[in-house]
Amino acid sequence: MAQGGRAPRSAELRNTVDALPVILRKDTTELFSKYRVYSERELQSRYTILSETYVKTVNIEGQLTSMMARTMILPAALRYQGRWPRRSTPPRRRAWTTSRGRTAQDTDGDDLGVPVGDLDVGQGAAPPRDGDAFEHAKYARDKILPSMNAVRTVGDRLETMVATTCGLAEYREMLFIK
């Protein structure tokens, strides 16, 4: 429920997990029952299935994010970094300054490693499968998705520096694929 005990408006439902409880609201169940679309039991089943599907999808995407960061993006960044002697300045040095103020020569990969580690820990610490599906969905939204976004932020920054050496298509290449 939103403030004041009223039902949330659609503008307040910012993601799937926020919208799922609407399925179980009294007005929703009455509407679907009245027109014999779904019974209350069927709506409860839909709610559980949608929650489990959300969790499964986020976990698959999280595993893929971690795998891509570890096997494609980080190795390409380290190969690129290895091309420059310790004391020389790589091209686009300003872009190579990390979020911690270090330059590429000082970076040991932890700018990507930390978010990937957080993502792996978040996935490993997820609630047990036999728990409440909606609670598991809230955990995925609150813990796993932010970790995925952190990996993506660092990966996107590295991609602008390393680009073609990590084996992924660049955004500008995808715009012009025929």
N, C-alpha and C. Protein backbone atom coordinates (compact mmCIF):
# COMPACT_ATOMS: atom_id res chain seq x y z
N MET A 1 0.83 -1.19 0.00
CA MET A 1 0.00 0.00 0.00
C MET A 1 0.88 1.25 0.00
N ALA A 2 0.41 2.25 -0.67
CA ALA A 2 1.12 3.53 -0.71
C ALA A 2 0.77 4.33 0.54
N GLN A 3 1.20 5.54 0.60
CA GLN A 3 0.93 6.39 1.75
C GLN A 3 -0.56 6.52 2.00
N GLY A 4 -0.93 6.57 3.27
CA GLY A 4 -2.31 6.76 3.64
C GLY A 4 -3.19 5.53 3.43
N GLY A 5 -2.59 4.35 3.21
CA GLY A 5 -3.35 3.12 3.07
C GLY A 5 -4.02 2.95 1.71
N ARG A 6 -3.81 3.85 0.78
CA ARG A 6 -4.44 3.71 -0.52
C ARG A 6 -3.58 2.83 -1.42
N ALA A 7 -4.22 2.28 -2.42
CA ALA A 7 -3.50 1.44 -3.38
C ALA A 7 -2.56 2.31 -4.20
N PRO A 8 -1.37 1.78 -4.56
CA PRO A 8 -0.43 2.58 -5.35
C PRO A 8 -0.96 2.82 -6.76
N ARG A 9 -0.65 3.96 -7.29
CA ARG A 9 -0.99 4.28 -8.68
C ARG A 9 0.07 3.66 -9.59
N SER A 10 -0.26 3.52 -10.84
CA SER A 10 0.67 2.87 -11.76
C SER A 10 1.99 3.62 -11.86
N ALA A 11 2.01 4.93 -11.68
CA ALA A 11 3.25 5.70 -11.74
C ALA A 11 4.17 5.37 -10.57
N GLU A 12 3.59 4.85 -9.48
CA GLU A 12 4.39 4.50 -8.32
C GLU A 12 4.95 3.08 -8.42
N LEU A 13 4.52 2.33 -9.40
CA LEU A 13 4.99 0.97 -9.61
C LEU A 13 6.16 1.02 -10.59
N ARG A 14 7.35 1.16 -10.05
CA ARG A 14 8.52 1.44 -10.88
C ARG A 14 9.19 0.21 -11.45
N ASN A 15 8.85 -0.97 -10.95
CA ASN A 15 9.47 -2.19 -11.46
C ASN A 15 8.54 -3.38 -11.24
N THR A 16 8.93 -4.50 -11.74
CA THR A 16 8.10 -5.70 -11.67
C THR A 16 7.75 -6.07 -10.23
N VAL A 17 8.73 -6.01 -9.35
CA VAL A 17 8.50 -6.42 -7.97
C VAL A 17 7.50 -5.49 -7.28
N ASP A 18 7.53 -4.22 -7.61
CA ASP A 18 6.53 -3.30 -7.05
C ASP A 18 5.13 -3.60 -7.57
N ALA A 19 5.04 -4.08 -8.81
CA ALA A 19 3.74 -4.31 -9.43
C ALA A 19 3.13 -5.66 -9.07
N LEU A 20 3.92 -6.64 -8.71
CA LEU A 20 3.39 -7.98 -8.45
C LEU A 20 2.29 -8.03 -7.39
N PRO A 21 2.39 -7.33 -6.27
CA PRO A 21 1.33 -7.41 -5.27
C PRO A 21 -0.04 -6.93 -5.75
N VAL A 22 -0.09 -6.17 -6.82
CA VAL A 22 -1.36 -5.71 -7.36
C VAL A 22 -2.22 -6.91 -7.77
N ILE A 23 -1.59 -7.99 -8.17
CA ILE A 23 -2.31 -9.19 -8.58
C ILE A 23 -3.19 -9.72 -7.45
N LEU A 24 -2.74 -9.56 -6.20
CA LEU A 24 -3.45 -10.12 -5.06
C LEU A 24 -4.38 -9.14 -4.37
N ARG A 25 -4.43 -7.90 -4.86
CA ARG A 25 -5.34 -6.94 -4.23
C ARG A 25 -6.79 -7.38 -4.36
N LYS A 26 -7.61 -6.97 -3.42
CA LYS A 26 -9.02 -7.35 -3.40
C LYS A 26 -9.74 -6.91 -4.67
N ASP A 27 -9.51 -5.67 -5.11
CA ASP A 27 -10.18 -5.18 -6.31
C ASP A 27 -9.77 -5.97 -7.55
N THR A 28 -8.53 -6.41 -7.60
CA THR A 28 -8.06 -7.20 -8.73
C THR A 28 -8.72 -8.57 -8.73
N THR A 29 -8.70 -9.23 -7.57
CA THR A 29 -9.31 -10.56 -7.50
C THR A 29 -10.81 -10.51 -7.79
N GLU A 30 -11.48 -9.48 -7.31
CA GLU A 30 -12.92 -9.34 -7.57
C GLU A 30 -13.19 -9.15 -9.06
N LEU A 31 -12.38 -8.32 -9.71
CA LEU A 31 -12.55 -8.06 -11.14
C LEU A 31 -12.34 -9.34 -11.95
N PHE A 32 -11.25 -10.04 -11.71
CA PHE A 32 -10.95 -11.25 -12.47
C PHE A 32 -11.96 -12.37 -12.16
N SER A 33 -12.43 -12.44 -10.94
CA SER A 33 -13.43 -13.45 -10.57
C SER A 33 -14.78 -13.12 -11.21
N LYS A 34 -15.15 -11.86 -11.19
CA LYS A 34 -16.45 -11.42 -11.73
C LYS A 34 -16.59 -11.82 -13.21
N TYR A 35 -15.54 -11.63 -13.96
CA TYR A 35 -15.58 -11.95 -15.39
C TYR A 35 -15.03 -13.34 -15.70
N ARG A 36 -14.82 -14.13 -14.67
CA ARG A 36 -14.38 -15.52 -14.78
C ARG A 36 -13.10 -15.67 -15.61
N VAL A 37 -12.20 -14.74 -15.42
CA VAL A 37 -10.90 -14.82 -16.08
C VAL A 37 -9.98 -15.72 -15.24
N TYR A 38 -9.83 -15.38 -13.96
CA TYR A 38 -9.05 -16.18 -13.02
C TYR A 38 -9.78 -16.21 -11.69
N SER A 39 -9.66 -17.33 -11.00
CA SER A 39 -10.18 -17.40 -9.63
C SER A 39 -9.11 -16.82 -8.70
N GLU A 40 -9.45 -16.65 -7.46
CA GLU A 40 -8.47 -16.14 -6.49
C GLU A 40 -7.28 -17.08 -6.39
N ARG A 41 -7.54 -18.36 -6.41
CA ARG A 41 -6.46 -19.35 -6.33
C ARG A 41 -5.56 -19.27 -7.56
N GLU A 42 -6.15 -19.09 -8.73
CA GLU A 42 -5.37 -18.96 -9.96
C GLU A 42 -4.50 -17.70 -9.94
N LEU A 43 -5.03 -16.62 -9.39
CA LEU A 43 -4.23 -15.39 -9.29
C LEU A 43 -3.06 -15.58 -8.33
N GLN A 44 -3.29 -16.30 -7.23
CA GLN A 44 -2.19 -16.59 -6.30
C GLN A 44 -1.11 -17.40 -7.00
N SER A 45 -1.54 -18.35 -7.82
CA SER A 45 -0.59 -19.16 -8.57
C SER A 45 0.19 -18.30 -9.57
N ARG A 46 -0.49 -17.42 -10.28
CA ARG A 46 0.17 -16.49 -11.21
C ARG A 46 1.22 -15.63 -10.50
N TYR A 47 0.83 -15.13 -9.35
CA TYR A 47 1.71 -14.29 -8.53
C TYR A 47 3.00 -15.05 -8.18
N THR A 48 2.85 -16.28 -7.75
CA THR A 48 4.02 -17.09 -7.40
C THR A 48 4.86 -17.39 -8.62
N ILE A 49 4.22 -17.77 -9.72
CA ILE A 49 4.96 -18.08 -10.95
C ILE A 49 5.71 -16.86 -11.46
N LEU A 50 5.07 -15.70 -11.47
CA LEU A 50 5.72 -14.48 -11.94
C LEU A 50 6.89 -14.09 -11.04
N SER A 51 6.74 -14.27 -9.74
CA SER A 51 7.83 -13.98 -8.80
C SER A 51 9.02 -14.90 -9.06
N GLU A 52 8.74 -16.19 -9.22
CA GLU A 52 9.82 -17.16 -9.47
C GLU A 52 10.50 -16.90 -10.81
N THR A 53 9.72 -16.55 -11.82
CA THR A 53 10.28 -16.25 -13.13
C THR A 53 11.19 -15.02 -13.06
N TYR A 54 10.79 -14.02 -12.32
CA TYR A 54 11.60 -12.82 -12.15
C TYR A 54 12.95 -13.18 -11.52
N VAL A 55 12.90 -13.98 -10.44
CA VAL A 55 14.13 -14.37 -9.75
C VAL A 55 15.03 -15.16 -10.68
N LYS A 56 14.47 -16.10 -11.41
CA LYS A 56 15.26 -16.93 -12.32
C LYS A 56 15.92 -16.06 -13.40
N THR A 57 15.16 -15.13 -13.96
CA THR A 57 15.69 -14.26 -15.01
C THR A 57 16.83 -13.39 -14.48
N VAL A 58 16.64 -12.79 -13.31
CA VAL A 58 17.69 -11.93 -12.73
C VAL A 58 18.92 -12.76 -12.42
N ASN A 59 18.75 -13.97 -11.92
CA ASN A 59 19.91 -14.81 -11.62
C ASN A 59 20.68 -15.20 -12.87
N ILE A 60 19.96 -15.54 -13.93
CA ILE A 60 20.63 -15.88 -15.20
C ILE A 60 21.39 -14.67 -15.73
N GLU A 61 20.76 -13.51 -15.72
CA GLU A 61 21.43 -12.30 -16.20
C GLU A 61 22.63 -11.95 -15.32
N GLY A 62 22.51 -12.15 -14.01
CA GLY A 62 23.62 -11.90 -13.10
C GLY A 62 24.80 -12.82 -13.37
N GLN A 63 24.52 -14.10 -13.62
CA GLN A 63 25.59 -15.05 -13.93
C GLN A 63 26.26 -14.69 -15.25
N LEU A 64 25.47 -14.28 -16.22
CA LEU A 64 26.02 -13.87 -17.51
C LEU A 64 26.87 -12.60 -17.37
N THR A 65 26.40 -11.65 -16.58
CA THR A 65 27.16 -10.42 -16.34
C THR A 65 28.51 -10.75 -15.73
N SER A 66 28.51 -11.60 -14.73
CA SER A 66 29.75 -11.99 -14.06
C SER A 66 30.69 -12.71 -15.03
N MET A 67 30.15 -13.64 -15.80
CA MET A 67 30.96 -14.39 -16.75
C MET A 67 31.58 -13.47 -17.81
N MET A 68 30.78 -12.55 -18.35
CA MET A 68 31.31 -11.64 -19.36
C MET A 68 32.39 -10.74 -18.80
N ALA A 69 32.19 -10.25 -17.58
CA ALA A 69 33.19 -9.38 -16.96
C ALA A 69 34.49 -10.13 -16.73
N ARG A 70 34.40 -11.36 -16.24
CA ARG A 70 35.60 -12.14 -15.92
C ARG A 70 36.32 -12.68 -17.14
N THR A 71 35.58 -13.09 -18.17
CA THR A 71 36.20 -13.79 -19.29
C THR A 71 36.40 -12.95 -20.53
N MET A 72 35.74 -11.78 -20.60
CA MET A 72 35.87 -10.96 -21.80
C MET A 72 36.40 -9.56 -21.51
N ILE A 73 35.72 -8.84 -20.64
CA ILE A 73 36.05 -7.43 -20.45
C ILE A 73 37.34 -7.25 -19.67
N LEU A 74 37.47 -7.91 -18.51
CA LEU A 74 38.68 -7.75 -17.70
C LEU A 74 39.93 -8.24 -18.43
N PRO A 75 39.92 -9.43 -19.05
CA PRO A 75 41.13 -9.83 -19.79
C PRO A 75 41.52 -8.85 -20.89
N ALA A 76 40.53 -8.30 -21.61
CA ALA A 76 40.84 -7.32 -22.66
C ALA A 76 41.45 -6.06 -22.06
N ALA A 77 40.91 -5.62 -20.93
CA ALA A 77 41.46 -4.42 -20.29
C ALA A 77 42.89 -4.67 -19.81
N LEU A 78 43.15 -5.84 -19.27
CA LEU A 78 44.50 -6.15 -18.80
C LEU A 78 45.47 -6.31 -19.97
N ARG A 79 45.00 -6.89 -21.10
CA ARG A 79 45.86 -6.96 -22.30
C ARG A 79 46.21 -5.56 -22.78
N TYR A 80 45.22 -4.69 -22.82
CA TYR A 80 45.44 -3.31 -23.25
C TYR A 80 46.41 -2.61 -22.31
N GLN A 81 46.21 -2.80 -21.03
CA GLN A 81 47.08 -2.19 -20.03
C GLN A 81 48.52 -2.67 -20.19
N GLY A 82 48.69 -3.96 -20.52
CA GLY A 82 50.02 -4.52 -20.68
C GLY A 82 50.78 -3.98 -21.87
N ARG A 83 50.12 -3.31 -22.79
CA ARG A 83 50.80 -2.74 -23.96
C ARG A 83 51.61 -1.50 -23.60
N TRP A 84 51.38 -0.93 -22.44
CA TRP A 84 52.02 0.32 -22.09
C TRP A 84 53.04 0.09 -21.00
N PRO A 85 54.30 0.52 -21.23
CA PRO A 85 55.31 0.39 -20.17
C PRO A 85 54.84 1.13 -18.91
N ARG A 86 55.31 0.68 -17.77
CA ARG A 86 54.87 1.22 -16.48
C ARG A 86 54.99 2.75 -16.40
N ARG A 87 55.97 3.32 -17.01
CA ARG A 87 56.21 4.75 -16.85
C ARG A 87 55.65 5.60 -18.00
N SER A 88 55.20 4.97 -19.05
CA SER A 88 54.68 5.77 -20.16
C SER A 88 53.19 6.07 -19.95
N THR A 89 52.70 6.98 -20.72
CA THR A 89 51.31 7.39 -20.61
C THR A 89 50.52 6.79 -21.76
N PRO A 90 49.48 6.00 -21.47
CA PRO A 90 48.67 5.46 -22.56
C PRO A 90 47.87 6.57 -23.22
N PRO A 91 47.44 6.36 -24.46
CA PRO A 91 46.58 7.36 -25.08
C PRO A 91 45.30 7.51 -24.28
N ARG A 92 44.71 8.69 -24.34
CA ARG A 92 43.47 8.98 -23.63
C ARG A 92 43.63 8.75 -22.14
N ARG A 93 44.73 9.22 -21.59
CA ARG A 93 45.01 9.00 -20.17
C ARG A 93 43.88 9.48 -19.28
N ARG A 94 43.27 10.61 -19.63
CA ARG A 94 42.20 11.12 -18.78
C ARG A 94 41.09 10.09 -18.64
N ALA A 95 40.76 9.40 -19.73
CA ALA A 95 39.74 8.37 -19.68
C ALA A 95 40.17 7.17 -18.85
N TRP A 96 41.48 6.97 -18.74
CA TRP A 96 41.98 5.83 -17.98
C TRP A 96 42.06 6.11 -16.49
N THR A 97 41.72 7.29 -16.05
CA THR A 97 41.72 7.55 -14.62
C THR A 97 40.52 6.85 -14.01
N THR A 98 40.77 6.03 -13.00
CA THR A 98 39.70 5.23 -12.41
C THR A 98 38.88 6.04 -11.43
N SER A 99 37.81 5.43 -10.93
CA SER A 99 36.94 6.10 -9.97
C SER A 99 37.68 6.41 -8.68
N ARG A 100 38.78 5.73 -8.43
CA ARG A 100 39.55 5.97 -7.22
C ARG A 100 40.72 6.92 -7.47
N GLY A 101 40.75 7.55 -8.65
CA GLY A 101 41.76 8.54 -8.95
C GLY A 101 43.09 7.96 -9.39
N ARG A 102 43.15 6.65 -9.66
CA ARG A 102 44.40 6.04 -10.10
C ARG A 102 44.43 5.99 -11.62
N THR A 103 45.60 5.94 -12.18
CA THR A 103 45.72 5.83 -13.63
C THR A 103 45.78 4.36 -14.01
N ALA A 104 45.74 4.09 -15.30
CA ALA A 104 45.74 2.71 -15.78
C ALA A 104 46.96 1.95 -15.29
N GLN A 105 48.10 2.62 -15.18
CA GLN A 105 49.30 1.93 -14.75
C GLN A 105 49.18 1.44 -13.30
N ASP A 106 48.37 2.13 -12.51
CA ASP A 106 48.20 1.77 -11.10
C ASP A 106 47.06 0.79 -10.88
N THR A 107 46.24 0.56 -11.89
CA THR A 107 45.06 -0.27 -11.72
C THR A 107 45.44 -1.74 -11.80
N ASP A 108 44.94 -2.52 -10.85
CA ASP A 108 45.20 -3.95 -10.87
C ASP A 108 43.93 -4.73 -11.17
N GLY A 109 42.95 -4.09 -11.75
CA GLY A 109 41.72 -4.76 -12.14
C GLY A 109 40.64 -4.73 -11.08
N ASP A 110 40.92 -4.15 -9.91
CA ASP A 110 39.92 -4.19 -8.85
C ASP A 110 38.74 -3.27 -9.10
N ASP A 111 38.87 -2.31 -10.04
CA ASP A 111 37.71 -1.47 -10.35
C ASP A 111 36.59 -2.30 -10.95
N LEU A 112 36.92 -3.36 -11.64
CA LEU A 112 35.91 -4.28 -12.16
C LEU A 112 35.74 -5.45 -11.21
N GLY A 113 36.81 -5.88 -10.60
CA GLY A 113 36.76 -7.04 -9.71
C GLY A 113 35.86 -6.86 -8.50
N VAL A 114 35.85 -5.68 -7.92
CA VAL A 114 35.03 -5.44 -6.73
C VAL A 114 33.54 -5.58 -7.04
N PRO A 115 33.01 -4.91 -8.07
CA PRO A 115 31.59 -5.11 -8.37
C PRO A 115 31.24 -6.54 -8.77
N VAL A 116 32.15 -7.21 -9.49
CA VAL A 116 31.89 -8.60 -9.87
C VAL A 116 31.86 -9.47 -8.62
N GLY A 117 32.77 -9.22 -7.69
CA GLY A 117 32.76 -9.96 -6.42
C GLY A 117 31.49 -9.71 -5.64
N ASP A 118 31.03 -8.46 -5.62
CA ASP A 118 29.77 -8.14 -4.93
C ASP A 118 28.60 -8.86 -5.59
N LEU A 119 28.62 -8.94 -6.91
CA LEU A 119 27.56 -9.63 -7.63
C LEU A 119 27.56 -11.12 -7.28
N ASP A 120 28.74 -11.72 -7.27
CA ASP A 120 28.84 -13.14 -6.94
C ASP A 120 28.40 -13.42 -5.51
N VAL A 121 28.78 -12.54 -4.58
CA VAL A 121 28.37 -12.70 -3.18
C VAL A 121 26.86 -12.54 -3.07
N GLY A 122 26.30 -11.56 -3.76
CA GLY A 122 24.85 -11.35 -3.73
C GLY A 122 24.08 -12.54 -4.25
N GLN A 123 24.58 -13.17 -5.30
CA GLN A 123 23.90 -14.35 -5.83
C GLN A 123 24.07 -15.55 -4.90
N GLY A 124 25.22 -15.68 -4.29
CA GLY A 124 25.46 -16.79 -3.38
C GLY A 124 24.69 -16.67 -2.08
N ALA A 125 24.37 -15.44 -1.68
CA ALA A 125 23.69 -15.22 -0.40
C ALA A 125 22.18 -15.11 -0.57
N ALA A 126 21.68 -15.42 -1.75
CA ALA A 126 20.24 -15.30 -2.00
C ALA A 126 19.45 -16.21 -1.06
N PRO A 127 18.23 -15.81 -0.73
CA PRO A 127 17.40 -16.64 0.13
C PRO A 127 17.22 -18.04 -0.45
N PRO A 128 16.96 -19.04 0.37
CA PRO A 128 16.81 -20.41 -0.13
C PRO A 128 15.64 -20.55 -1.10
N ARG A 129 15.75 -21.48 -2.02
CA ARG A 129 14.72 -21.70 -3.04
C ARG A 129 13.35 -22.00 -2.45
N ASP A 130 13.31 -22.66 -1.28
CA ASP A 130 12.03 -23.05 -0.72
C ASP A 130 11.37 -21.92 0.07
N GLY A 131 11.98 -20.74 0.08
CA GLY A 131 11.40 -19.59 0.77
C GLY A 131 10.30 -18.94 -0.04
N ASP A 132 9.76 -17.87 0.48
CA ASP A 132 8.71 -17.11 -0.20
C ASP A 132 9.25 -16.53 -1.50
N ALA A 133 8.58 -16.82 -2.60
CA ALA A 133 9.04 -16.38 -3.92
C ALA A 133 9.09 -14.86 -4.03
N PHE A 134 8.12 -14.17 -3.43
CA PHE A 134 8.11 -12.72 -3.52
C PHE A 134 9.27 -12.11 -2.72
N GLU A 135 9.58 -12.66 -1.56
CA GLU A 135 10.73 -12.18 -0.78
C GLU A 135 12.02 -12.40 -1.57
N HIS A 136 12.11 -13.50 -2.26
CA HIS A 136 13.28 -13.78 -3.09
C HIS A 136 13.36 -12.76 -4.23
N ALA A 137 12.21 -12.41 -4.81
CA ALA A 137 12.19 -11.41 -5.89
C ALA A 137 12.64 -10.05 -5.38
N LYS A 138 12.20 -9.68 -4.17
CA LYS A 138 12.63 -8.40 -3.59
C LYS A 138 14.14 -8.41 -3.36
N TYR A 139 14.68 -9.54 -2.90
CA TYR A 139 16.12 -9.66 -2.70
C TYR A 139 16.85 -9.47 -4.03
N ALA A 140 16.36 -10.12 -5.08
CA ALA A 140 17.00 -10.00 -6.40
C ALA A 140 16.99 -8.55 -6.87
N ARG A 141 15.86 -7.87 -6.68
CA ARG A 141 15.75 -6.46 -7.09
C ARG A 141 16.68 -5.57 -6.28
N ASP A 142 16.77 -5.80 -4.96
CA ASP A 142 17.50 -4.90 -4.08
C ASP A 142 18.99 -5.20 -3.99
N LYS A 143 19.41 -6.43 -4.24
CA LYS A 143 20.82 -6.80 -4.08
C LYS A 143 21.51 -7.16 -5.40
N ILE A 144 20.88 -8.00 -6.20
CA ILE A 144 21.55 -8.50 -7.40
C ILE A 144 21.54 -7.47 -8.52
N LEU A 145 20.40 -6.85 -8.78
CA LEU A 145 20.33 -5.85 -9.86
C LEU A 145 21.28 -4.67 -9.65
N PRO A 146 21.38 -4.09 -8.43
CA PRO A 146 22.36 -3.01 -8.25
C PRO A 146 23.81 -3.47 -8.48
N SER A 147 24.12 -4.71 -8.10
CA SER A 147 25.47 -5.23 -8.36
C SER A 147 25.71 -5.39 -9.85
N MET A 148 24.70 -5.86 -10.58
CA MET A 148 24.83 -5.97 -12.04
C MET A 148 25.05 -4.60 -12.67
N ASN A 149 24.33 -3.60 -12.19
CA ASN A 149 24.50 -2.25 -12.73
C ASN A 149 25.88 -1.68 -12.43
N ALA A 150 26.43 -2.01 -11.26
CA ALA A 150 27.78 -1.55 -10.93
C ALA A 150 28.81 -2.18 -11.87
N VAL A 151 28.65 -3.47 -12.16
CA VAL A 151 29.56 -4.14 -13.11
C VAL A 151 29.42 -3.49 -14.48
N ARG A 152 28.20 -3.24 -14.89
CA ARG A 152 27.98 -2.64 -16.20
C ARG A 152 28.60 -1.24 -16.30
N THR A 153 28.49 -0.45 -15.24
CA THR A 153 29.06 0.89 -15.25
C THR A 153 30.57 0.84 -15.49
N VAL A 154 31.25 -0.03 -14.75
CA VAL A 154 32.70 -0.15 -14.91
C VAL A 154 33.03 -0.75 -16.27
N GLY A 155 32.28 -1.78 -16.67
CA GLY A 155 32.51 -2.40 -17.97
C GLY A 155 32.32 -1.43 -19.12
N ASP A 156 31.28 -0.60 -19.03
CA ASP A 156 31.05 0.40 -20.08
C ASP A 156 32.19 1.41 -20.15
N ARG A 157 32.70 1.80 -18.99
CA ARG A 157 33.82 2.74 -18.97
C ARG A 157 35.06 2.10 -19.58
N LEU A 158 35.32 0.83 -19.23
CA LEU A 158 36.47 0.14 -19.80
C LEU A 158 36.31 -0.07 -21.30
N GLU A 159 35.08 -0.33 -21.73
CA GLU A 159 34.82 -0.56 -23.15
C GLU A 159 35.17 0.65 -24.00
N THR A 160 34.98 1.86 -23.45
CA THR A 160 35.32 3.05 -24.22
C THR A 160 36.82 3.19 -24.40
N MET A 161 37.58 2.53 -23.55
CA MET A 161 39.04 2.60 -23.65
C MET A 161 39.62 1.44 -24.44
N VAL A 162 39.02 0.26 -24.27
CA VAL A 162 39.58 -0.96 -24.84
C VAL A 162 38.88 -1.33 -26.14
N ALA A 163 37.60 -1.12 -26.21
CA ALA A 163 36.72 -1.33 -27.35
C ALA A 163 36.91 -2.67 -28.05
N THR A 164 37.53 -2.66 -29.19
CA THR A 164 37.50 -3.82 -30.08
C THR A 164 38.28 -5.03 -29.57
N THR A 165 39.09 -4.90 -28.58
CA THR A 165 39.91 -6.03 -28.15
C THR A 165 39.18 -7.01 -27.23
N CYS A 166 37.98 -6.71 -26.77
CA CYS A 166 37.31 -7.65 -25.86
C CYS A 166 36.34 -8.57 -26.58
N GLY A 167 36.21 -8.46 -27.89
CA GLY A 167 35.39 -9.39 -28.65
C GLY A 167 33.90 -9.07 -28.68
N LEU A 168 33.49 -7.98 -28.09
CA LEU A 168 32.09 -7.58 -28.09
C LEU A 168 31.89 -6.48 -29.12
N ALA A 169 30.72 -6.48 -29.72
CA ALA A 169 30.40 -5.42 -30.68
C ALA A 169 30.27 -4.09 -29.95
N GLU A 170 30.81 -3.06 -30.53
CA GLU A 170 30.65 -1.73 -29.96
C GLU A 170 29.26 -1.21 -30.29
N TYR A 171 28.78 -0.28 -29.48
CA TYR A 171 27.44 0.26 -29.69
C TYR A 171 27.31 0.87 -31.07
N ARG A 172 28.31 1.65 -31.48
CA ARG A 172 28.22 2.29 -32.79
C ARG A 172 28.22 1.26 -33.92
N GLU A 173 28.87 0.10 -33.71
CA GLU A 173 28.81 -0.97 -34.71
C GLU A 173 27.41 -1.58 -34.80
N MET A 174 26.74 -1.74 -33.62
CA MET A 174 25.40 -2.31 -33.61
C MET A 174 24.39 -1.42 -34.31
N LEU A 175 24.63 -0.10 -34.29
CA LEU A 175 23.72 0.82 -34.95
C LEU A 175 23.70 0.65 -36.46
N PHE A 176 24.81 0.18 -37.00
CA PHE A 176 24.94 0.11 -38.45
C PHE A 176 25.06 -1.31 -38.98
N ILE A 177 24.65 -2.32 -38.21
CA ILE A 177 24.67 -3.69 -38.68
C ILE A 177 23.60 -3.85 -39.75
N LYS A 178 23.98 -4.46 -40.84
CA LYS A 178 23.03 -4.63 -41.96
C LYS A 178 22.46 -6.02 -41.95
